[in-house]
Amino acid sequence: MLLYKRKENDAAPLAQPDPYIIKDGSRYYIYTTGSKGVHLFSSDQLKTGWQYDGICLEVPGQRNFWAPSVIKINDKYFMYYSSILDSDMDEHSQRLRIAIADSPTGPFCYVKDLLPPFSIDPHVVETESGIYLFYSSNDYESEFMGTYILCDKMLDPYTLEGKPQGIVYPSLEEEIYMRDRFEKGKDWYTIEGAFYFNVGTTHYLMYSGANHNNPTYFVGYSVAYGPEDADLRKLNWQKWPDNKTYSPVLSSNSNKNVEGLGHNSVIFEEGRYWIVYHARAVGDLKKYKEDTRCAHIDELIIDGPQLTVKVTV
């Protein structure tokens, strides 16, 4: 279900990629990727009434603000995001940074860099055992060379422990981002867009695989079992259903009207789980030069270790 329909002469961007949803008080907020800053949308209702609130983070000298993740800790709102300096021409100069605000609406102010390049797609969570950061980086040495997901514990909202563990690695042909990307005969694989949640002692880590312009682009997930106060780095994470089976929760086969379904967040409301993700109308790649991935929401069904979504348009 499409969340926000852009109107003619609307100040909102055409696209809302990488939508990250939170609830604060009685209002919902979605933060999205933007070239000049992080865009903010809000509503008093989960599935209707969304409005564009403008850019809530912009930093002079930075551009391409990717995949913001926002969490409230000690009455402050911490935004974890990646961006690139205006002086950098290499997209792989993207690095994770931190911004803070006194309100979910911002304005968020840049505080510090968190990790060196290449580091993207943060998801920060607070559990009974502490604060953890999931993020993606590059591996040039593995059989499936490309981008994978790591997890590190945080000593405080500003500081990583510095003991990251690899959590989800590429293992499928459907996860190829680009063939022969940097060298003939060496395909580049991608696992990114981590989002963690748990239901009791069952832990889920959702992610996106491949390139959103590819027909195999999808949302998948890994599962682990352990106590709610477990160190998330030390759980035995396993791709569902296994490392060699392409079994997407969301993909271009989910609904004939949309494609490029991916990079999700999850919220528990009204006694049900809801998945927020981006997708574009079929044919938009040929119709527009600009990105048209927009925020969608649908119910996420949890049946033990199995996750399913019925996409509505």
C-alpha atoms as a PDB file:
ATOM      1  CA  MET A   1       0.000   0.000   0.000  1.00  0.00           C
ATOM      2  CA  LEU A   2       1.439   3.326  -1.101  1.00  0.00           C
ATOM      3  CA  LEU A   3       1.825   5.681   1.878  1.00  0.00           C
ATOM      4  CA  TYR A   4       2.384   9.082   0.280  1.00  0.00           C
ATOM      5  CA  LYS A   5       1.169  10.177  -3.138  1.00  0.00           C
ATOM      6  CA  ARG A   6       3.025  13.202  -4.395  1.00  0.00           C
ATOM      7  CA  LYS A   7       0.809  15.934  -5.785  1.00  0.00           C
ATOM      8  CA  GLU A   8       1.543  18.349  -8.602  1.00  0.00           C
ATOM      9  CA  ASN A   9       3.748  21.251  -7.457  1.00  0.00           C
ATOM     10  CA  ASP A  10       4.397  19.353  -4.215  1.00  0.00           C
ATOM     11  CA  ALA A  11       7.592  20.332  -2.392  1.00  0.00           C
ATOM     12  CA  ALA A  12       8.179  16.691  -1.497  1.00  0.00           C
ATOM     13  CA  PRO A  13      10.773  14.686  -3.426  1.00  0.00           C
ATOM     14  CA  LEU A  14       9.586  12.367  -6.159  1.00  0.00           C
ATOM     15  CA  ALA A  15      11.044   9.389  -4.289  1.00  0.00           C
ATOM     16  CA  GLN A  16      11.165   8.168  -0.695  1.00  0.00           C
ATOM     17  CA  PRO A  17      13.920   5.530  -0.783  1.00  0.00           C
ATOM     18  CA  ASP A  18      14.980   3.495   2.260  1.00  0.00           C
ATOM     19  CA  PRO A  19      12.006   4.484   4.474  1.00  0.00           C
ATOM     20  CA  TYR A  20      12.669   4.137   8.208  1.00  0.00           C
ATOM     21  CA  ILE A  21       9.620   4.349  10.475  1.00  0.00           C
ATOM     22  CA  ILE A  22       9.343   5.161  14.181  1.00  0.00           C
ATOM     23  CA  LYS A  23       6.517   6.169  16.507  1.00  0.00           C
ATOM     24  CA  ASP A  24       6.962   8.935  19.072  1.00  0.00           C
ATOM     25  CA  GLY A  25       4.004   9.737  21.285  1.00  0.00           C
ATOM     26  CA  SER A  26       0.936   9.383  19.093  1.00  0.00           C
ATOM     27  CA  ARG A  27       2.637  10.357  15.823  1.00  0.00           C
ATOM     28  CA  TYR A  28       4.475   8.297  13.229  1.00  0.00           C
ATOM     29  CA  TYR A  29       7.600   9.476  11.423  1.00  0.00           C
ATOM     30  CA  ILE A  30       9.347   8.190   8.309  1.00  0.00           C
ATOM     31  CA  TYR A  31      12.883   9.255   7.388  1.00  0.00           C
ATOM     32  CA  THR A  32      14.140   8.735   3.834  1.00  0.00           C
ATOM     33  CA  THR A  33      17.264   9.025   1.712  1.00  0.00           C
ATOM     34  CA  GLY A  34      17.931  12.329  -0.050  1.00  0.00           C
ATOM     35  CA  SER A  35      20.720  13.831  -2.123  1.00  0.00           C
ATOM     36  CA  LYS A  36      20.798  17.139  -0.195  1.00  0.00           C
ATOM     37  CA  GLY A  37      19.600  15.872   3.180  1.00  0.00           C
ATOM     38  CA  VAL A  38      17.313  13.472   5.022  1.00  0.00           C
ATOM     39  CA  HIS A  39      13.620  13.880   4.201  1.00  0.00           C
ATOM     40  CA  LEU A  40      10.905  13.575   6.853  1.00  0.00           C
ATOM     41  CA  PHE A  41       7.263  12.514   6.550  1.00  0.00           C
ATOM     42  CA  SER A  42       4.769  12.214   9.425  1.00  0.00           C
ATOM     43  CA  SER A  43       1.205  11.207  10.242  1.00  0.00           C
ATOM     44  CA  ASP A  44      -1.121  10.639  13.184  1.00  0.00           C
ATOM     45  CA  GLN A  45      -2.297   7.436  11.484  1.00  0.00           C
ATOM     46  CA  LEU A  46      -0.191   4.511  10.405  1.00  0.00           C
ATOM     47  CA  LYS A  47      -1.543   3.951   6.897  1.00  0.00           C
ATOM     48  CA  THR A  48      -3.101   7.294   5.925  1.00  0.00           C
ATOM     49  CA  GLY A  49      -2.700  11.033   6.385  1.00  0.00           C
ATOM     50  CA  TRP A  50       1.020  11.251   5.656  1.00  0.00           C
ATOM     51  CA  GLN A  51       2.463  14.704   5.056  1.00  0.00           C
ATOM     52  CA  TYR A  52       5.863  15.953   3.941  1.00  0.00           C
ATOM     53  CA  ASP A  53       7.691  17.893   6.666  1.00  0.00           C
ATOM     54  CA  GLY A  54      10.808  18.857   4.722  1.00  0.00           C
ATOM     55  CA  ILE A  55      14.501  18.112   5.219  1.00  0.00           C
ATOM     56  CA  CYS A  56      15.311  17.352   8.856  1.00  0.00           C
ATOM     57  CA  LEU A  57      19.077  16.937   8.404  1.00  0.00           C
ATOM     58  CA  GLU A  58      21.372  18.790   6.050  1.00  0.00           C
ATOM     59  CA  VAL A  59      25.091  19.318   6.546  1.00  0.00           C
ATOM     60  CA  PRO A  60      27.208  21.766   4.530  1.00  0.00           C
ATOM     61  CA  GLY A  61      29.884  19.897   2.632  1.00  0.00           C
ATOM     62  CA  GLN A  62      28.000  16.581   2.646  1.00  0.00           C
ATOM     63  CA  ARG A  63      25.710  15.018   0.036  1.00  0.00           C
ATOM     64  CA  ASN A  64      23.859  11.773  -0.707  1.00  0.00           C
ATOM     65  CA  PHE A  65      22.394  11.147   2.722  1.00  0.00           C
ATOM     66  CA  TRP A  66      21.596   7.442   2.659  1.00  0.00           C
ATOM     67  CA  ALA A  67      19.331   5.206   4.736  1.00  0.00           C
ATOM     68  CA  PRO A  68      18.810   7.125   7.996  1.00  0.00           C
ATOM     69  CA  SER A  69      18.018   5.175  11.177  1.00  0.00           C
ATOM     70  CA  VAL A  70      16.583   7.068  14.170  1.00  0.00           C
ATOM     71  CA  ILE A  71      16.387   5.945  17.807  1.00  0.00           C
ATOM     72  CA  LYS A  72      15.425   7.749  21.010  1.00  0.00           C
ATOM     73  CA  ILE A  73      17.940   7.351  23.855  1.00  0.00           C
ATOM     74  CA  ASN A  74      17.792   9.365  27.084  1.00  0.00           C
ATOM     75  CA  ASP A  75      15.367  11.941  25.649  1.00  0.00           C
ATOM     76  CA  LYS A  76      17.619  12.608  22.654  1.00  0.00           C
ATOM     77  CA  TYR A  77      16.976  11.468  19.094  1.00  0.00           C
ATOM     78  CA  PHE A  78      19.991   9.925  17.422  1.00  0.00           C
ATOM     79  CA  MET A  79      20.146   9.644  13.654  1.00  0.00           C
ATOM     80  CA  TYR A  80      22.652   7.252  12.119  1.00  0.00           C
ATOM     81  CA  TYR A  81      23.169   7.748   8.402  1.00  0.00           C
ATOM     82  CA  SER A  82      25.841   7.673   5.725  1.00  0.00           C
ATOM     83  CA  SER A  83      26.896  10.451   3.400  1.00  0.00           C
ATOM     84  CA  ILE A  84      29.743  11.495   1.158  1.00  0.00           C
ATOM     85  CA  LEU A  85      31.783  14.694   1.182  1.00  0.00           C
ATOM     86  CA  ASP A  86      31.203  17.101  -1.681  1.00  0.00           C
ATOM     87  CA  SER A  87      34.931  16.834  -2.432  1.00  0.00           C
ATOM     88  CA  ASP A  88      34.751  13.041  -2.912  1.00  0.00           C
ATOM     89  CA  MET A  89      33.939  11.597  -6.320  1.00  0.00           C
ATOM     90  CA  ASP A  90      34.039   7.909  -5.369  1.00  0.00           C
ATOM     91  CA  GLU A  91      30.685   6.513  -4.192  1.00  0.00           C
ATOM     92  CA  HIS A  92      32.624   4.097  -1.996  1.00  0.00           C
ATOM     93  CA  SER A  93      33.668   7.073   0.137  1.00  0.00           C
ATOM     94  CA  GLN A  94      30.279   6.790   1.863  1.00  0.00           C
ATOM     95  CA  ARG A  95      30.747   6.565   5.630  1.00  0.00           C
ATOM     96  CA  LEU A  96      28.493   6.294   8.678  1.00  0.00           C
ATOM     97  CA  ARG A  97      27.904   9.422  10.751  1.00  0.00           C
ATOM     98  CA  ILE A  98      25.811  10.512  13.745  1.00  0.00           C
ATOM     99  CA  ALA A  99      23.421  13.451  14.144  1.00  0.00           C
ATOM    100  CA  ILE A 100      21.235  14.323  17.143  1.00  0.00           C
ATOM    101  CA  ALA A 101      18.082  16.345  17.848  1.00  0.00           C
ATOM    102  CA  ASP A 102      15.770  17.206  20.735  1.00  0.00           C
ATOM    103  CA  SER A 103      12.707  16.191  18.735  1.00  0.00           C
ATOM    104  CA  PRO A 104      11.880  13.522  16.132  1.00  0.00           C
ATOM    105  CA  THR A 105      11.185  16.369  13.701  1.00  0.00           C
ATOM    106  CA  GLY A 106      14.696  17.765  14.104  1.00  0.00           C
ATOM    107  CA  PRO A 107      16.502  19.713  13.035  1.00  0.00           C
ATOM    108  CA  PHE A 108      19.181  17.070  13.446  1.00  0.00           C
ATOM    109  CA  CYS A 109      22.715  18.340  13.874  1.00  0.00           C
ATOM    110  CA  TYR A 110      25.799  16.459  12.726  1.00  0.00           C
ATOM    111  CA  VAL A 111      27.964  15.338  15.649  1.00  0.00           C
ATOM    112  CA  LYS A 112      30.697  13.008  14.423  1.00  0.00           C
ATOM    113  CA  ASP A 113      31.817  10.362  11.956  1.00  0.00           C
ATOM    114  CA  LEU A 114      31.234   6.854  13.264  1.00  0.00           C
ATOM    115  CA  LEU A 115      33.063   4.537  10.841  1.00  0.00           C
ATOM    116  CA  PRO A 116      35.494   4.916   7.948  1.00  0.00           C
ATOM    117  CA  PRO A 117      34.429   4.318   4.340  1.00  0.00           C
ATOM    118  CA  PHE A 118      32.837   2.141   3.044  1.00  0.00           C
ATOM    119  CA  SER A 119      30.061   1.925   5.643  1.00  0.00           C
ATOM    120  CA  ILE A 120      26.346   2.318   4.937  1.00  0.00           C
ATOM    121  CA  ASP A 121      22.795   1.337   5.905  1.00  0.00           C
ATOM    122  CA  PRO A 122      22.828   1.552   9.707  1.00  0.00           C
ATOM    123  CA  HIS A 123      20.249   0.075  12.017  1.00  0.00           C
ATOM    124  CA  VAL A 124      20.758   0.861  15.708  1.00  0.00           C
ATOM    125  CA  VAL A 125      18.767  -1.109  18.265  1.00  0.00           C
ATOM    126  CA  GLU A 126      18.667  -1.144  22.063  1.00  0.00           C
ATOM    127  CA  THR A 127      18.053  -4.479  23.788  1.00  0.00           C
ATOM    128  CA  GLU A 128      18.337  -5.807  27.326  1.00  0.00           C
ATOM    129  CA  SER A 129      22.050  -6.386  26.728  1.00  0.00           C
ATOM    130  CA  GLY A 130      22.889  -2.966  25.281  1.00  0.00           C
ATOM    131  CA  ILE A 131      22.980  -0.939  22.081  1.00  0.00           C
ATOM    132  CA  TYR A 132      23.960  -2.560  18.787  1.00  0.00           C
ATOM    133  CA  LEU A 133      24.740  -1.251  15.328  1.00  0.00           C
ATOM    134  CA  PHE A 134      24.036  -3.294  12.208  1.00  0.00           C
ATOM    135  CA  TYR A 135      25.600  -1.909   9.037  1.00  0.00           C
ATOM    136  CA  SER A 136      27.047  -2.885   5.662  1.00  0.00           C
ATOM    137  CA  SER A 137      30.602  -2.784   4.391  1.00  0.00           C
ATOM    138  CA  ASN A 138      32.642  -4.347   1.577  1.00  0.00           C
ATOM    139  CA  ASP A 139      34.588  -7.591   1.362  1.00  0.00           C
ATOM    140  CA  TYR A 140      36.970  -7.836  -1.600  1.00  0.00           C
ATOM    141  CA  GLU A 141      38.471 -11.204  -0.705  1.00  0.00           C
ATOM    142  CA  SER A 142      35.574 -13.654  -0.357  1.00  0.00           C
ATOM    143  CA  GLU A 143      34.214 -16.018  -3.002  1.00  0.00           C
ATOM    144  CA  PHE A 144      31.089 -13.830  -3.242  1.00  0.00           C
ATOM    145  CA  MET A 145      32.928 -10.516  -3.355  1.00  0.00           C
ATOM    146  CA  GLY A 146      30.792  -7.547  -2.394  1.00  0.00           C
ATOM    147  CA  THR A 147      28.768  -5.907   0.359  1.00  0.00           C
ATOM    148  CA  TYR A 148      27.739  -7.744   3.517  1.00  0.00           C
ATOM    149  CA  ILE A 149      26.225  -7.018   6.949  1.00  0.00           C
ATOM    150  CA  LEU A 150      28.127  -6.674  10.224  1.00  0.00           C
ATOM    151  CA  CYS A 151      27.096  -6.021  13.817  1.00  0.00           C
ATOM    152  CA  ASP A 152      29.012  -4.266  16.593  1.00  0.00           C
ATOM    153  CA  LYS A 153      28.066  -3.354  20.145  1.00  0.00           C
ATOM    154  CA  MET A 154      28.084   0.286  21.235  1.00  0.00           C
ATOM    155  CA  LEU A 155      29.627   1.490  24.484  1.00  0.00           C
ATOM    156  CA  ASP A 156      27.303   4.499  24.306  1.00  0.00           C
ATOM    157  CA  PRO A 157      25.264   6.117  21.490  1.00  0.00           C
ATOM    158  CA  TYR A 158      28.421   7.769  20.141  1.00  0.00           C
ATOM    159  CA  THR A 159      31.006   4.995  20.471  1.00  0.00           C
ATOM    160  CA  LEU A 160      31.455   1.537  18.987  1.00  0.00           C
ATOM    161  CA  GLU A 161      33.153  -1.226  20.950  1.00  0.00           C
ATOM    162  CA  GLY A 162      35.223  -1.980  17.868  1.00  0.00           C
ATOM    163  CA  LYS A 163      34.558  -5.750  17.795  1.00  0.00           C
ATOM    164  CA  PRO A 164      32.283  -6.166  14.747  1.00  0.00           C
ATOM    165  CA  GLN A 165      31.126  -9.586  13.616  1.00  0.00           C
ATOM    166  CA  GLY A 166      29.961 -10.547  10.134  1.00  0.00           C
ATOM    167  CA  ILE A 167      26.281 -11.514  10.264  1.00  0.00           C
ATOM    168  CA  VAL A 168      24.942 -12.008   6.713  1.00  0.00           C
ATOM    169  CA  TYR A 169      27.060 -12.714   3.638  1.00  0.00           C
ATOM    170  CA  PRO A 170      26.161 -13.068  -0.054  1.00  0.00           C
ATOM    171  CA  SER A 171      25.713 -16.665  -1.182  1.00  0.00           C
ATOM    172  CA  LEU A 172      23.263 -16.578  -4.125  1.00  0.00           C
ATOM    173  CA  GLU A 173      23.454 -15.659  -7.790  1.00  0.00           C
ATOM    174  CA  GLU A 174      20.270 -13.621  -7.256  1.00  0.00           C
ATOM    175  CA  GLU A 175      22.274 -11.350  -4.922  1.00  0.00           C
ATOM    176  CA  ILE A 176      24.515 -10.094  -7.742  1.00  0.00           C
ATOM    177  CA  TYR A 177      24.540  -6.294  -7.778  1.00  0.00           C
ATOM    178  CA  MET A 178      26.494  -6.018 -11.031  1.00  0.00           C
ATOM    179  CA  ARG A 179      28.388  -8.478 -13.178  1.00  0.00           C
ATOM    180  CA  ASP A 180      32.059  -7.682 -13.907  1.00  0.00           C
ATOM    181  CA  ARG A 181      31.717  -4.540 -11.759  1.00  0.00           C
ATOM    182  CA  PHE A 182      35.389  -3.803 -11.123  1.00  0.00           C
ATOM    183  CA  GLU A 183      37.111  -6.597 -13.014  1.00  0.00           C
ATOM    184  CA  LYS A 184      36.168  -8.956 -15.834  1.00  0.00           C
ATOM    185  CA  GLY A 185      34.974 -12.260 -14.468  1.00  0.00           C
ATOM    186  CA  LYS A 186      34.394 -10.944 -10.948  1.00  0.00           C
ATOM    187  CA  ASP A 187      30.748 -10.233 -10.183  1.00  0.00           C
ATOM    188  CA  TRP A 188      29.815  -7.920  -7.306  1.00  0.00           C
ATOM    189  CA  TYR A 189      27.276  -9.209  -4.765  1.00  0.00           C
ATOM    190  CA  THR A 190      25.308  -7.114  -2.291  1.00  0.00           C
ATOM    191  CA  ILE A 191      23.550  -7.684   1.026  1.00  0.00           C
ATOM    192  CA  GLU A 192      22.488  -4.403   2.667  1.00  0.00           C
ATOM    193  CA  GLY A 193      19.625  -2.560   4.388  1.00  0.00           C
ATOM    194  CA  ALA A 194      19.702  -4.452   7.702  1.00  0.00           C
ATOM    195  CA  PHE A 195      16.695  -4.274  10.040  1.00  0.00           C
ATOM    196  CA  TYR A 196      16.630  -6.256  13.296  1.00  0.00           C
ATOM    197  CA  PHE A 197      13.722  -7.213  15.544  1.00  0.00           C
ATOM    198  CA  ASN A 198      12.842 -10.104  17.810  1.00  0.00           C
ATOM    199  CA  VAL A 199       9.719 -11.919  18.934  1.00  0.00           C
ATOM    200  CA  GLY A 200      10.671 -13.403  22.269  1.00  0.00           C
ATOM    201  CA  THR A 201      13.662 -15.670  21.781  1.00  0.00           C
ATOM    202  CA  THR A 202      13.382 -15.695  17.977  1.00  0.00           C
ATOM    203  CA  HIS A 203      15.574 -13.037  16.373  1.00  0.00           C
ATOM    204  CA  TYR A 204      15.119 -11.785  12.806  1.00  0.00           C
ATOM    205  CA  LEU A 205      17.486  -9.750  10.650  1.00  0.00           C
ATOM    206  CA  MET A 206      15.895  -8.542   7.439  1.00  0.00           C
ATOM    207  CA  TYR A 207      17.987  -7.286   4.522  1.00  0.00           C
ATOM    208  CA  SER A 208      17.921  -6.418   0.821  1.00  0.00           C
ATOM    209  CA  GLY A 209      19.877  -8.293  -1.828  1.00  0.00           C
ATOM    210  CA  ALA A 210      21.214  -7.235  -5.255  1.00  0.00           C
ATOM    211  CA  ASN A 211      20.485  -3.885  -6.974  1.00  0.00           C
ATOM    212  CA  HIS A 212      17.047  -2.246  -6.926  1.00  0.00           C
ATOM    213  CA  ASN A 213      17.184  -1.985 -10.714  1.00  0.00           C
ATOM    214  CA  ASN A 214      17.703  -5.740 -11.075  1.00  0.00           C
ATOM    215  CA  PRO A 215      14.765  -8.151 -11.499  1.00  0.00           C
ATOM    216  CA  THR A 216      16.032 -10.357  -8.652  1.00  0.00           C
ATOM    217  CA  TYR A 217      16.234  -7.491  -6.100  1.00  0.00           C
ATOM    218  CA  PHE A 218      14.530  -8.676  -2.932  1.00  0.00           C
ATOM    219  CA  VAL A 219      14.021  -8.593   0.817  1.00  0.00           C
ATOM    220  CA  GLY A 220      15.256 -11.678   2.629  1.00  0.00           C
ATOM    221  CA  TYR A 221      16.127 -12.418   6.234  1.00  0.00           C
ATOM    222  CA  SER A 222      18.207 -14.452   8.644  1.00  0.00           C
ATOM    223  CA  VAL A 223      16.971 -16.115  11.827  1.00  0.00           C
ATOM    224  CA  ALA A 224      18.669 -16.848  15.142  1.00  0.00           C
ATOM    225  CA  TYR A 225      17.484 -18.259  18.450  1.00  0.00           C
ATOM    226  CA  GLY A 226      18.604 -17.135  21.878  1.00  0.00           C
ATOM    227  CA  PRO A 227      17.619 -15.226  25.021  1.00  0.00           C
ATOM    228  CA  GLU A 228      16.320 -11.687  24.692  1.00  0.00           C
ATOM    229  CA  ASP A 229      19.444 -10.388  26.452  1.00  0.00           C
ATOM    230  CA  ALA A 230      21.823 -12.200  24.075  1.00  0.00           C
ATOM    231  CA  ASP A 231      24.800 -10.460  22.505  1.00  0.00           C
ATOM    232  CA  LEU A 232      23.429 -10.058  18.979  1.00  0.00           C
ATOM    233  CA  ARG A 233      26.892 -10.545  17.499  1.00  0.00           C
ATOM    234  CA  LYS A 234      27.199 -14.025  18.990  1.00  0.00           C
ATOM    235  CA  LEU A 235      23.910 -15.535  17.901  1.00  0.00           C
ATOM    236  CA  ASN A 236      23.993 -18.287  15.275  1.00  0.00           C
ATOM    237  CA  TRP A 237      22.451 -16.380  12.370  1.00  0.00           C
ATOM    238  CA  GLN A 238      21.162 -18.488   9.474  1.00  0.00           C
ATOM    239  CA  LYS A 239      19.669 -17.298   6.196  1.00  0.00           C
ATOM    240  CA  TRP A 240      16.075 -18.407   5.719  1.00  0.00           C
ATOM    241  CA  PRO A 241      15.495 -21.061   4.556  1.00  0.00           C
ATOM    242  CA  ASP A 242      19.209 -21.706   3.845  1.00  0.00           C
ATOM    243  CA  ASN A 243      22.256 -20.186   2.159  1.00  0.00           C
ATOM    244  CA  LYS A 244      21.481 -21.567  -1.300  1.00  0.00           C
ATOM    245  CA  THR A 245      17.740 -20.974  -1.683  1.00  0.00           C
ATOM    246  CA  TYR A 246      16.301 -17.762  -3.147  1.00  0.00           C
ATOM    247  CA  SER A 247      13.136 -17.280  -1.080  1.00  0.00           C
ATOM    248  CA  PRO A 248      12.256 -13.567  -0.965  1.00  0.00           C
ATOM    249  CA  VAL A 249       9.800 -11.984   1.447  1.00  0.00           C
ATOM    250  CA  LEU A 250       9.421  -9.167  -1.076  1.00  0.00           C
ATOM    251  CA  SER A 251      10.465  -9.037  -4.726  1.00  0.00           C
ATOM    252  CA  SER A 252       9.205  -7.941  -8.131  1.00  0.00           C
ATOM    253  CA  ASN A 253       7.099 -11.117  -8.144  1.00  0.00           C
ATOM    254  CA  SER A 254       5.167  -9.909  -5.081  1.00  0.00           C
ATOM    255  CA  ASN A 255       2.742  -7.814  -7.142  1.00  0.00           C
ATOM    256  CA  LYS A 256       2.520  -7.234 -10.904  1.00  0.00           C
ATOM    257  CA  ASN A 257       2.083  -3.463 -10.446  1.00  0.00           C
ATOM    258  CA  VAL A 258       5.296  -2.678  -8.545  1.00  0.00           C
ATOM    259  CA  GLU A 259       8.976  -3.551  -8.732  1.00  0.00           C
ATOM    260  CA  GLY A 260      12.178  -2.669  -6.901  1.00  0.00           C
ATOM    261  CA  LEU A 261      10.693  -3.714  -3.551  1.00  0.00           C
ATOM    262  CA  GLY A 262      13.269  -3.502  -0.788  1.00  0.00           C
ATOM    263  CA  HIS A 263      15.123  -1.777   2.048  1.00  0.00           C
ATOM    264  CA  ASN A 264      12.546  -2.097   4.795  1.00  0.00           C
ATOM    265  CA  SER A 265      11.841  -1.199   8.394  1.00  0.00           C
ATOM    266  CA  VAL A 266       9.270  -2.813  10.710  1.00  0.00           C
ATOM    267  CA  ILE A 267       6.871  -1.458  13.323  1.00  0.00           C
ATOM    268  CA  PHE A 268       4.527  -3.266  15.751  1.00  0.00           C
ATOM    269  CA  GLU A 269       1.157  -1.512  15.987  1.00  0.00           C
ATOM    270  CA  GLU A 270      -2.471  -2.468  16.518  1.00  0.00           C
ATOM    271  CA  GLY A 271      -1.350  -5.921  17.645  1.00  0.00           C
ATOM    272  CA  ARG A 272       0.251  -6.613  14.268  1.00  0.00           C
ATOM    273  CA  TYR A 273       3.609  -6.214  12.562  1.00  0.00           C
ATOM    274  CA  TRP A 274       3.886  -3.856   9.602  1.00  0.00           C
ATOM    275  CA  ILE A 275       6.669  -3.657   7.051  1.00  0.00           C
ATOM    276  CA  VAL A 276       7.558  -0.325   5.429  1.00  0.00           C
ATOM    277  CA  TYR A 277       9.622  -0.561   2.240  1.00  0.00           C
ATOM    278  CA  HIS A 278      10.271   1.215  -1.026  1.00  0.00           C
ATOM    279  CA  ALA A 279       8.909   0.215  -4.421  1.00  0.00           C
ATOM    280  CA  ARG A 280       8.206   1.861  -7.758  1.00  0.00           C
ATOM    281  CA  ALA A 281       5.498   1.417 -10.352  1.00  0.00           C
ATOM    282  CA  VAL A 282       6.348  -1.021 -13.133  1.00  0.00           C
ATOM    283  CA  GLY A 283       7.676   0.933 -16.108  1.00  0.00           C
ATOM    284  CA  ASP A 284       9.063   3.870 -14.111  1.00  0.00           C
ATOM    285  CA  LEU A 285      12.667   3.043 -15.001  1.00  0.00           C
ATOM    286  CA  LYS A 286      11.899   3.812 -18.651  1.00  0.00           C
ATOM    287  CA  LYS A 287       9.469   6.643 -17.923  1.00  0.00           C
ATOM    288  CA  TYR A 288      11.582   8.737 -15.513  1.00  0.00           C
ATOM    289  CA  LYS A 289      15.240   9.666 -15.258  1.00  0.00           C
ATOM    290  CA  GLU A 290      14.743  10.354 -11.546  1.00  0.00           C
ATOM    291  CA  ASP A 291      14.355   7.810  -8.781  1.00  0.00           C
ATOM    292  CA  THR A 292      10.685   6.981  -8.141  1.00  0.00           C
ATOM    293  CA  ARG A 293      10.942   4.468  -5.269  1.00  0.00           C
ATOM    294  CA  CYS A 294       8.169   5.416  -2.835  1.00  0.00           C
ATOM    295  CA  ALA A 295       7.288   4.278   0.675  1.00  0.00           C
ATOM    296  CA  HIS A 296       4.788   1.422   0.944  1.00  0.00           C
ATOM    297  CA  ILE A 297       3.331  -0.402   3.933  1.00  0.00           C
ATOM    298  CA  ASP A 298       1.848  -3.881   4.286  1.00  0.00           C
ATOM    299  CA  GLU A 299       1.264  -6.388   7.045  1.00  0.00           C
ATOM    300  CA  LEU A 300       4.167  -8.653   7.963  1.00  0.00           C
ATOM    301  CA  ILE A 301       2.969 -12.109   8.930  1.00  0.00           C
ATOM    302  CA  ILE A 302       5.127 -14.039  11.401  1.00  0.00           C
ATOM    303  CA  ASP A 303       4.691 -17.792  11.669  1.00  0.00           C
ATOM    304  CA  GLY A 304       7.538 -19.110  13.798  1.00  0.00           C
ATOM    305  CA  PRO A 305      10.705 -18.593  11.750  1.00  0.00           C
ATOM    306  CA  GLN A 306       8.790 -17.820   8.547  1.00  0.00           C
ATOM    307  CA  LEU A 307       7.979 -14.263   7.442  1.00  0.00           C
ATOM    308  CA  THR A 308       5.526 -13.446   4.661  1.00  0.00           C
ATOM    309  CA  VAL A 309       3.974 -10.284   3.205  1.00  0.00           C
ATOM    310  CA  LYS A 310       0.891  -9.865   1.062  1.00  0.00           C
ATOM    311  CA  VAL A 311       1.606  -6.786  -1.034  1.00  0.00           C
ATOM    312  CA  THR A 312      -1.328  -4.445  -1.657  1.00  0.00           C
ATOM    313  CA  VAL A 313      -1.377  -1.498  -4.058  1.00  0.00           C
END
